[in-house]
Amino acid sequence: KVIFAADVSDELIEAYVKTREGVDKAGGYGLQGMGS
């Protein structure tokens, strides 16, 4: 079970997407990296 932080902003999500770290991962984030 994974619980996302409620205070994550749209800006942080958009900035994370631009890193392209999560493009090859189910759900679009890497827990072992910046996705944490």
Full PDB file with SEQRES, HELIX, SHEET, SSBOND, CRYST1, ORIGX, SCALE, CONECT and MASTER records, all heavy atoms in Angstrom:
SEQRES   1 A   36  LYS VAL ILE PHE ALA ALA ASP VAL SER ASP GLU LEU ILE          
SEQRES   2 A   36  GLU ALA TYR VAL LYS THR ARG GLU GLY VAL ASP LYS ALA          
SEQRES   3 A   36  GLY GLY TYR GLY LEU GLN GLY MET GLY SER                      
HELIX    1 AA1 ASP A   10  THR A   19  1                                  10    
HELIX    2 AA2 ALA A   26  GLY A   28  5                                   3    
CRYST1    1.000    1.000    1.000  90.00  90.00  90.00 P 1           1          
ORIGX1      1.000000  0.000000  0.000000        0.00000                         
ORIGX2      0.000000  1.000000  0.000000        0.00000                         
ORIGX3      0.000000  0.000000  1.000000        0.00000                         
SCALE1      1.000000  0.000000  0.000000        0.00000                         
SCALE2      0.000000  1.000000  0.000000        0.00000                         
SCALE3      0.000000  0.000000  1.000000        0.00000                         
ATOM      1  N   LYS A   1       0.853  -1.189   0.000  1.00  0.00           N  
ATOM      2  CA  LYS A   1       0.000   0.000   0.000  1.00  0.00           C  
ATOM      3  C   LYS A   1       0.894   1.246   0.000  1.00  0.00           C  
ATOM      4  O   LYS A   1       1.836   1.354   0.791  1.00  0.00           O  
ATOM      5  CB  LYS A   1      -0.910   0.014   1.224  1.00  0.00           C  
ATOM      6  CG  LYS A   1      -1.872   1.204   1.281  1.00  0.00           C  
ATOM      7  CD  LYS A   1      -2.691   1.216   2.566  1.00  0.00           C  
ATOM      8  CE  LYS A   1      -3.700   0.089   2.570  1.00  0.00           C  
ATOM      9  NZ  LYS A   1      -4.607   0.189   3.765  1.00  0.00           N  
ATOM     10  N   VAL A   2       0.595   2.165  -0.894  1.00  0.00           N  
ATOM     11  CA  VAL A   2       1.375   3.399  -1.024  1.00  0.00           C  
ATOM     12  C   VAL A   2       0.470   4.587  -0.722  1.00  0.00           C  
ATOM     13  O   VAL A   2      -0.630   4.692  -1.281  1.00  0.00           O  
ATOM     14  CB  VAL A   2       1.968   3.552  -2.441  1.00  0.00           C  
ATOM     15  CG1 VAL A   2       2.809   4.816  -2.541  1.00  0.00           C  
ATOM     16  CG2 VAL A   2       2.804   2.322  -2.811  1.00  0.00           C  
ATOM     17  N   ILE A   3       0.930   5.461   0.166  1.00  0.00           N  
ATOM     18  CA  ILE A   3       0.164   6.647   0.540  1.00  0.00           C  
ATOM     19  C   ILE A   3       0.897   7.876   0.017  1.00  0.00           C  
ATOM     20  O   ILE A   3       2.032   8.160   0.429  1.00  0.00           O  
ATOM     21  CB  ILE A   3      -0.025   6.757   2.069  1.00  0.00           C  
ATOM     22  CG1 ILE A   3      -0.833   5.546   2.579  1.00  0.00           C  
ATOM     23  CG2 ILE A   3      -0.722   8.052   2.433  1.00  0.00           C  
ATOM     24  CD1 ILE A   3      -0.007   4.360   3.015  1.00  0.00           C  
ATOM     25  N   PHE A   4       0.277   8.572  -0.927  1.00  0.00           N  
ATOM     26  CA  PHE A   4       0.854   9.802  -1.464  1.00  0.00           C  
ATOM     27  C   PHE A   4       0.650  10.942  -0.459  1.00  0.00           C  
ATOM     28  O   PHE A   4      -0.342  10.966   0.273  1.00  0.00           O  
ATOM     29  CB  PHE A   4       0.184  10.169  -2.795  1.00  0.00           C  
ATOM     30  CG  PHE A   4       0.997   9.778  -4.000  1.00  0.00           C  
ATOM     31  CD1 PHE A   4       1.723   8.601  -4.021  1.00  0.00           C  
ATOM     32  CD2 PHE A   4       1.037  10.589  -5.126  1.00  0.00           C  
ATOM     33  CE1 PHE A   4       2.469   8.227  -5.128  1.00  0.00           C  
ATOM     34  CE2 PHE A   4       1.778  10.241  -6.242  1.00  0.00           C  
ATOM     35  CZ  PHE A   4       2.498   9.063  -6.247  1.00  0.00           C  
ATOM     36  N   ALA A   5       1.566  11.884  -0.469  1.00  0.00           N  
ATOM     37  CA  ALA A   5       1.462  13.059   0.397  1.00  0.00           C  
ATOM     38  C   ALA A   5       0.386  13.993  -0.150  1.00  0.00           C  
ATOM     39  O   ALA A   5       0.401  14.349  -1.330  1.00  0.00           O  
ATOM     40  CB  ALA A   5       2.798  13.776   0.492  1.00  0.00           C  
ATOM     41  N   ALA A   6      -0.544  14.405   0.712  1.00  0.00           N  
ATOM     42  CA  ALA A   6      -1.662  15.243   0.273  1.00  0.00           C  
ATOM     43  C   ALA A   6      -1.225  16.644  -0.126  1.00  0.00           C  
ATOM     44  O   ALA A   6      -1.908  17.323  -0.891  1.00  0.00           O  
ATOM     45  CB  ALA A   6      -2.716  15.318   1.382  1.00  0.00           C  
ATOM     46  N   ASP A   7      -0.077  17.101   0.407  1.00  0.00           N  
ATOM     47  CA  ASP A   7       0.355  18.474   0.145  1.00  0.00           C  
ATOM     48  C   ASP A   7       1.266  18.593  -1.083  1.00  0.00           C  
ATOM     49  O   ASP A   7       1.877  19.642  -1.306  1.00  0.00           O  
ATOM     50  CB  ASP A   7       1.074  19.057   1.372  1.00  0.00           C  
ATOM     51  CG  ASP A   7       2.303  18.241   1.775  1.00  0.00           C  
ATOM     52  OD1 ASP A   7       2.526  17.169   1.172  1.00  0.00           O  
ATOM     53  OD2 ASP A   7       3.027  18.668   2.690  1.00  0.00           O  
ATOM     54  N   VAL A   8       1.372  17.526  -1.882  1.00  0.00           N  
ATOM     55  CA  VAL A   8       2.156  17.604  -3.116  1.00  0.00           C  
ATOM     56  C   VAL A   8       1.456  18.562  -4.087  1.00  0.00           C  
ATOM     57  O   VAL A   8       0.288  18.374  -4.414  1.00  0.00           O  
ATOM     58  CB  VAL A   8       2.319  16.216  -3.759  1.00  0.00           C  
ATOM     59  CG1 VAL A   8       2.911  16.318  -5.146  1.00  0.00           C  
ATOM     60  CG2 VAL A   8       3.190  15.327  -2.876  1.00  0.00           C  
ATOM     61  N   SER A   9       2.163  19.564  -4.537  1.00  0.00           N  
ATOM     62  CA  SER A   9       1.566  20.581  -5.397  1.00  0.00           C  
ATOM     63  C   SER A   9       1.574  20.148  -6.865  1.00  0.00           C  
ATOM     64  O   SER A   9       2.336  19.265  -7.269  1.00  0.00           O  
ATOM     65  CB  SER A   9       2.326  21.903  -5.262  1.00  0.00           C  
ATOM     66  OG  SER A   9       3.654  21.758  -5.760  1.00  0.00           O  
ATOM     67  N   ASP A  10       0.705  20.819  -7.655  1.00  0.00           N  
ATOM     68  CA  ASP A  10       0.710  20.584  -9.092  1.00  0.00           C  
ATOM     69  C   ASP A  10       2.066  20.927  -9.687  1.00  0.00           C  
ATOM     70  O   ASP A  10       2.551  20.254 -10.610  1.00  0.00           O  
ATOM     71  CB  ASP A  10      -0.373  21.424  -9.778  1.00  0.00           C  
ATOM     72  CG  ASP A  10      -1.783  20.917  -9.486  1.00  0.00           C  
ATOM     73  OD1 ASP A  10      -1.901  19.837  -8.865  1.00  0.00           O  
ATOM     74  OD2 ASP A  10      -2.740  21.602  -9.882  1.00  0.00           O  
ATOM     75  N   GLU A  11       2.696  21.973  -9.138  1.00  0.00           N  
ATOM     76  CA  GLU A  11       3.994  22.415  -9.647  1.00  0.00           C  
ATOM     77  C   GLU A  11       5.061  21.341  -9.439  1.00  0.00           C  
ATOM     78  O   GLU A  11       5.898  21.108 -10.316  1.00  0.00           O  
ATOM     79  CB  GLU A  11       4.421  23.725  -8.969  1.00  0.00           C  
ATOM     80  CG  GLU A  11       3.604  24.940  -9.353  1.00  0.00           C  
ATOM     81  CD  GLU A  11       2.225  24.969  -8.695  1.00  0.00           C  
ATOM     82  OE1 GLU A  11       2.020  24.249  -7.687  1.00  0.00           O  
ATOM     83  OE2 GLU A  11       1.354  25.700  -9.221  1.00  0.00           O  
ATOM     84  N   LEU A  12       5.030  20.678  -8.274  1.00  0.00           N  
ATOM     85  CA  LEU A  12       6.009  19.626  -8.008  1.00  0.00           C  
ATOM     86  C   LEU A  12       5.767  18.442  -8.942  1.00  0.00           C  
ATOM     87  O   LEU A  12       6.721  17.855  -9.473  1.00  0.00           O  
ATOM     88  CB  LEU A  12       5.933  19.170  -6.552  1.00  0.00           C  
ATOM     89  CG  LEU A  12       6.873  18.024  -6.152  1.00  0.00           C  
ATOM     90  CD1 LEU A  12       8.329  18.400  -6.431  1.00  0.00           C  
ATOM     91  CD2 LEU A  12       6.691  17.652  -4.686  1.00  0.00           C  
ATOM     92  N   ILE A  13       4.507  18.091  -9.149  1.00  0.00           N  
ATOM     93  CA  ILE A  13       4.197  16.986 -10.053  1.00  0.00           C  
ATOM     94  C   ILE A  13       4.693  17.293 -11.460  1.00  0.00           C  
ATOM     95  O   ILE A  13       5.334  16.456 -12.115  1.00  0.00           O  
ATOM     96  CB  ILE A  13       2.681  16.697 -10.053  1.00  0.00           C  
ATOM     97  CG1 ILE A  13       2.279  16.008  -8.747  1.00  0.00           C  
ATOM     98  CG2 ILE A  13       2.296  15.815 -11.252  1.00  0.00           C  
ATOM     99  CD1 ILE A  13       0.792  15.764  -8.596  1.00  0.00           C  
ATOM    100  N   GLU A  14       4.431  18.494 -11.941  1.00  0.00           N  
ATOM    101  CA  GLU A  14       4.859  18.871 -13.291  1.00  0.00           C  
ATOM    102  C   GLU A  14       6.379  18.909 -13.402  1.00  0.00           C  
ATOM    103  O   GLU A  14       6.958  18.494 -14.420  1.00  0.00           O  
ATOM    104  CB  GLU A  14       4.243  20.219 -13.659  1.00  0.00           C  
ATOM    105  CG  GLU A  14       2.728  20.140 -13.859  1.00  0.00           C  
ATOM    106  CD  GLU A  14       2.065  21.501 -13.918  1.00  0.00           C  
ATOM    107  OE1 GLU A  14       2.793  22.523 -13.945  1.00  0.00           O  
ATOM    108  OE2 GLU A  14       0.810  21.561 -13.953  1.00  0.00           O  
ATOM    109  N   ALA A  15       7.043  19.395 -12.349  1.00  0.00           N  
ATOM    110  CA  ALA A  15       8.503  19.415 -12.353  1.00  0.00           C  
ATOM    111  C   ALA A  15       9.060  17.996 -12.350  1.00  0.00           C  
ATOM    112  O   ALA A  15      10.052  17.695 -13.037  1.00  0.00           O  
ATOM    113  CB  ALA A  15       9.022  20.196 -11.139  1.00  0.00           C  
ATOM    114  N   TYR A  16       8.420  17.101 -11.588  1.00  0.00           N  
ATOM    115  CA  TYR A  16       8.878  15.710 -11.545  1.00  0.00           C  
ATOM    116  C   TYR A  16       8.710  15.032 -12.896  1.00  0.00           C  
ATOM    117  O   TYR A  16       9.599  14.304 -13.361  1.00  0.00           O  
ATOM    118  CB  TYR A  16       8.125  14.924 -10.468  1.00  0.00           C  
ATOM    119  CG  TYR A  16       8.500  13.460 -10.452  1.00  0.00           C  
ATOM    120  CD1 TYR A  16       9.748  13.055  -9.994  1.00  0.00           C  
ATOM    121  CD2 TYR A  16       7.626  12.485 -10.928  1.00  0.00           C  
ATOM    122  CE1 TYR A  16      10.123  11.720  -9.997  1.00  0.00           C  
ATOM    123  CE2 TYR A  16       7.984  11.150 -10.932  1.00  0.00           C  
ATOM    124  CZ  TYR A  16       9.236  10.772 -10.471  1.00  0.00           C  
ATOM    125  OH  TYR A  16       9.601   9.450 -10.490  1.00  0.00           O  
ATOM    126  N   VAL A  17       7.571  15.270 -13.532  1.00  0.00           N  
ATOM    127  CA  VAL A  17       7.321  14.676 -14.851  1.00  0.00           C  
ATOM    128  C   VAL A  17       8.398  15.105 -15.847  1.00  0.00           C  
ATOM    129  O   VAL A  17       8.860  14.297 -16.669  1.00  0.00           O  
ATOM    130  CB  VAL A  17       5.914  15.053 -15.353  1.00  0.00           C  
ATOM    131  CG1 VAL A  17       5.755  14.708 -16.833  1.00  0.00           C  
ATOM    132  CG2 VAL A  17       4.851  14.326 -14.530  1.00  0.00           C  
ATOM    133  N   LYS A  18       8.842  16.348 -15.747  1.00  0.00           N  
ATOM    134  CA  LYS A  18       9.858  16.856 -16.677  1.00  0.00           C  
ATOM    135  C   LYS A  18      11.225  16.214 -16.464  1.00  0.00           C  
ATOM    136  O   LYS A  18      12.068  16.240 -17.354  1.00  0.00           O  
ATOM    137  CB  LYS A  18       9.967  18.377 -16.553  1.00  0.00           C  
ATOM    138  CG  LYS A  18       8.759  19.107 -17.119  1.00  0.00           C  
ATOM    139  CD  LYS A  18       8.868  20.614 -16.935  1.00  0.00           C  
ATOM    140  CE  LYS A  18       7.629  21.314 -17.486  1.00  0.00           C  
ATOM    141  NZ  LYS A  18       7.666  22.784 -17.256  1.00  0.00           N  
ATOM    142  N   THR A  19      11.450  15.607 -15.299  1.00  0.00           N  
ATOM    143  CA  THR A  19      12.720  14.898 -15.086  1.00  0.00           C  
ATOM    144  C   THR A  19      12.781  13.611 -15.898  1.00  0.00           C  
ATOM    145  O   THR A  19      13.862  13.065 -16.121  1.00  0.00           O  
ATOM    146  CB  THR A  19      12.926  14.540 -13.604  1.00  0.00           C  
ATOM    147  OG1 THR A  19      11.994  13.524 -13.213  1.00  0.00           O  
ATOM    148  CG2 THR A  19      12.783  15.768 -12.714  1.00  0.00           C  
ATOM    149  N   ARG A  20      11.603  13.105 -16.296  1.00  0.00           N  
ATOM    150  CA  ARG A  20      11.475  11.856 -17.061  1.00  0.00           C  
ATOM    151  C   ARG A  20      11.915  10.627 -16.264  1.00  0.00           C  
ATOM    152  O   ARG A  20      12.103   9.554 -16.826  1.00  0.00           O  
ATOM    153  CB  ARG A  20      12.230  11.933 -18.382  1.00  0.00           C  
ATOM    154  CG  ARG A  20      11.711  12.997 -19.342  1.00  0.00           C  
ATOM    155  CD  ARG A  20      10.277  12.707 -19.766  1.00  0.00           C  
ATOM    156  NE  ARG A  20       9.810  13.551 -20.847  1.00  0.00           N  
ATOM    157  CZ  ARG A  20       9.065  14.647 -20.701  1.00  0.00           C  
ATOM    158  NH1 ARG A  20       8.724  15.064 -19.473  1.00  0.00           N  
ATOM    159  NH2 ARG A  20       8.667  15.349 -21.745  1.00  0.00           N  
ATOM    160  N   GLU A  21      12.076  10.753 -14.960  1.00  0.00           N  
ATOM    161  CA  GLU A  21      12.478   9.611 -14.145  1.00  0.00           C  
ATOM    162  C   GLU A  21      11.417   8.513 -14.165  1.00  0.00           C  
ATOM    163  O   GLU A  21      11.736   7.321 -14.125  1.00  0.00           O  
ATOM    164  CB  GLU A  21      12.719  10.046 -12.693  1.00  0.00           C  
ATOM    165  CG  GLU A  21      13.113   8.901 -11.766  1.00  0.00           C  
ATOM    166  CD  GLU A  21      13.177   9.314 -10.312  1.00  0.00           C  
ATOM    167  OE1 GLU A  21      12.114   9.511  -9.686  1.00  0.00           O  
ATOM    168  OE2 GLU A  21      14.306   9.452  -9.793  1.00  0.00           O  
ATOM    169  N   GLY A  22      10.139   8.911 -14.225  1.00  0.00           N  
ATOM    170  CA  GLY A  22       9.075   7.929 -14.074  1.00  0.00           C  
ATOM    171  C   GLY A  22       8.479   7.405 -15.357  1.00  0.00           C  
ATOM    172  O   GLY A  22       7.472   6.694 -15.313  1.00  0.00           O  
ATOM    173  N   VAL A  23       9.091   7.718 -16.511  1.00  0.00           N  
ATOM    174  CA  VAL A  23       8.469   7.341 -17.788  1.00  0.00           C  
ATOM    175  C   VAL A  23       8.403   5.826 -17.992  1.00  0.00           C  
ATOM    176  O   VAL A  23       7.520   5.330 -18.698  1.00  0.00           O  
ATOM    177  CB  VAL A  23       9.201   7.988 -18.982  1.00  0.00           C  
ATOM    178  CG1 VAL A  23       9.106   9.496 -18.913  1.00  0.00           C  
ATOM    179  CG2 VAL A  23      10.655   7.540 -19.043  1.00  0.00           C  
ATOM    180  N   ASP A  24       9.321   5.074 -17.388  1.00  0.00           N  
ATOM    181  CA  ASP A  24       9.371   3.628 -17.607  1.00  0.00           C  
ATOM    182  C   ASP A  24       8.877   2.848 -16.406  1.00  0.00           C  
ATOM    183  O   ASP A  24       9.188   1.672 -16.258  1.00  0.00           O  
ATOM    184  CB  ASP A  24      10.804   3.206 -17.944  1.00  0.00           C  
ATOM    185  CG  ASP A  24      11.775   3.483 -16.803  1.00  0.00           C  
ATOM    186  OD1 ASP A  24      11.489   4.364 -15.955  1.00  0.00           O  
ATOM    187  OD2 ASP A  24      12.835   2.822 -16.753  1.00  0.00           O  
ATOM    188  N   LYS A  25       8.092   3.505 -15.539  1.00  0.00           N  
ATOM    189  CA  LYS A  25       7.672   2.865 -14.295  1.00  0.00           C  
ATOM    190  C   LYS A  25       6.155   2.829 -14.174  1.00  0.00           C  
ATOM    191  O   LYS A  25       5.474   3.805 -14.506  1.00  0.00           O  
ATOM    192  CB  LYS A  25       8.275   3.599 -13.098  1.00  0.00           C  
ATOM    193  CG  LYS A  25       9.803   3.583 -13.099  1.00  0.00           C  
ATOM    194  CD  LYS A  25      10.362   4.504 -12.041  1.00  0.00           C  
ATOM    195  CE  LYS A  25      11.894   4.460 -12.049  1.00  0.00           C  
ATOM    196  NZ  LYS A  25      12.466   4.957 -13.300  1.00  0.00           N  
ATOM    197  N   ALA A  26       5.632   1.712 -13.683  1.00  0.00           N  
ATOM    198  CA  ALA A  26       4.197   1.597 -13.453  1.00  0.00           C  
ATOM    199  C   ALA A  26       3.750   2.680 -12.472  1.00  0.00           C  
ATOM    200  O   ALA A  26       4.369   2.876 -11.424  1.00  0.00           O  
ATOM    201  CB  ALA A  26       3.862   0.220 -12.889  1.00  0.00           C  
ATOM    202  N   GLY A  27       2.701   3.398 -12.821  1.00  0.00           N  
ATOM    203  CA  GLY A  27       2.234   4.483 -11.971  1.00  0.00           C  
ATOM    204  C   GLY A  27       2.934   5.796 -12.213  1.00  0.00           C  
ATOM    205  O   GLY A  27       2.496   6.842 -11.749  1.00  0.00           O  
ATOM    206  N   GLY A  28       4.077   5.758 -12.936  1.00  0.00           N  
ATOM    207  CA  GLY A  28       4.752   6.983 -13.326  1.00  0.00           C  
ATOM    208  C   GLY A  28       5.657   7.606 -12.286  1.00  0.00           C  
ATOM    209  O   GLY A  28       6.028   8.773 -12.406  1.00  0.00           O  
ATOM    210  N   TYR A  29       6.071   6.834 -11.261  1.00  0.00           N  
ATOM    211  CA  TYR A  29       6.999   7.399 -10.272  1.00  0.00           C  
ATOM    212  C   TYR A  29       7.974   6.323  -9.800  1.00  0.00           C  
ATOM    213  O   TYR A  29       7.655   5.136  -9.811  1.00  0.00           O  
ATOM    214  CB  TYR A  29       6.251   7.982  -9.064  1.00  0.00           C  
ATOM    215  CG  TYR A  29       5.522   6.957  -8.222  1.00  0.00           C  
ATOM    216  CD1 TYR A  29       6.116   6.386  -7.107  1.00  0.00           C  
ATOM    217  CD2 TYR A  29       4.224   6.558  -8.545  1.00  0.00           C  
ATOM    218  CE1 TYR A  29       5.456   5.441  -6.335  1.00  0.00           C  
ATOM    219  CE2 TYR A  29       3.552   5.605  -7.790  1.00  0.00           C  
ATOM    220  CZ  TYR A  29       4.173   5.056  -6.679  1.00  0.00           C  
ATOM    221  OH  TYR A  29       3.518   4.113  -5.916  1.00  0.00           O  
ATOM    222  N   GLY A  30       9.157   6.766  -9.400  1.00  0.00           N  
ATOM    223  CA  GLY A  30      10.167   5.850  -8.891  1.00  0.00           C  
ATOM    224  C   GLY A  30      10.410   6.103  -7.419  1.00  0.00           C  
ATOM    225  O   GLY A  30      10.959   7.138  -7.045  1.00  0.00           O  
ATOM    226  N   LEU A  31       9.985   5.172  -6.579  1.00  0.00           N  
ATOM    227  CA  LEU A  31      10.119   5.348  -5.133  1.00  0.00           C  
ATOM    228  C   LEU A  31      11.578   5.441  -4.709  1.00  0.00           C  
ATOM    229  O   LEU A  31      11.913   6.070  -3.713  1.00  0.00           O  
ATOM    230  CB  LEU A  31       9.431   4.190  -4.406  1.00  0.00           C  
ATOM    231  CG  LEU A  31       9.361   4.278  -2.877  1.00  0.00           C  
ATOM    232  CD1 LEU A  31       8.557   5.492  -2.436  1.00  0.00           C  
ATOM    233  CD2 LEU A  31       8.748   3.005  -2.305  1.00  0.00           C  
ATOM    234  N   GLN A  32      12.460   4.803  -5.475  1.00  0.00           N  
ATOM    235  CA  GLN A  32      13.872   4.783  -5.122  1.00  0.00           C  
ATOM    236  C   GLN A  32      14.604   6.058  -5.526  1.00  0.00           C  
ATOM    237  O   GLN A  32      15.792   6.216  -5.226  1.00  0.00           O  
ATOM    238  CB  GLN A  32      14.566   3.578  -5.786  1.00  0.00           C  
ATOM    239  CG  GLN A  32      14.752   3.705  -7.297  1.00  0.00           C  
ATOM    240  CD  GLN A  32      13.523   3.305  -8.088  1.00  0.00           C  
ATOM    241  OE1 GLN A  32      12.400   3.353  -7.589  1.00  0.00           O  
ATOM    242  NE2 GLN A  32      13.719   2.911  -9.328  1.00  0.00           N  
ATOM    243  N   GLY A  33      13.915   6.975  -6.186  1.00  0.00           N  
ATOM    244  CA  GLY A  33      14.560   8.210  -6.655  1.00  0.00           C  
ATOM    245  C   GLY A  33      13.796   9.440  -6.220  1.00  0.00           C  
ATOM    246  O   GLY A  33      13.264   9.511  -5.106  1.00  0.00           O  
ATOM    247  N   MET A  34      13.709  10.416  -7.128  1.00  0.00           N  
ATOM    248  CA  MET A  34      13.005  11.650  -6.809  1.00  0.00           C  
ATOM    249  C   MET A  34      11.517  11.436  -6.584  1.00  0.00           C  
ATOM    250  O   MET A  34      10.851  12.273  -5.959  1.00  0.00           O  
ATOM    251  CB  MET A  34      13.229  12.675  -7.928  1.00  0.00           C  
ATOM    252  CG  MET A  34      14.643  13.211  -8.009  1.00  0.00           C  
ATOM    253  SD  MET A  34      14.856  14.402  -9.358  1.00  0.00           S  
ATOM    254  CE  MET A  34      14.898  13.283 -10.784  1.00  0.00           C  
ATOM    255  N   GLY A  35      10.987  10.325  -7.072  1.00  0.00           N  
ATOM    256  CA  GLY A  35       9.582  10.020  -6.860  1.00  0.00           C  
ATOM    257  C   GLY A  35       9.215   9.874  -5.398  1.00  0.00           C  
ATOM    258  O   GLY A  35       8.036   9.977  -5.038  1.00  0.00           O  
ATOM    259  N   SER A  36      10.205   9.649  -4.542  1.00  0.00           N  
ATOM    260  CA  SER A  36       9.933   9.553  -3.101  1.00  0.00           C  
ATOM    261  C   SER A  36       9.411  10.868  -2.538  1.00  0.00           C  
ATOM    262  O   SER A  36       8.796  10.890  -1.468  1.00  0.00           O  
ATOM    263  CB  SER A  36      11.196   9.128  -2.350  1.00  0.00           C  
ATOM    264  OG  SER A  36      12.214  10.104  -2.504  1.00  0.00           O  
TER     265      SER A  36                                                      
MASTER        0    0    0    2    0    0    0    6  264    1    0    3          
END                                                                             
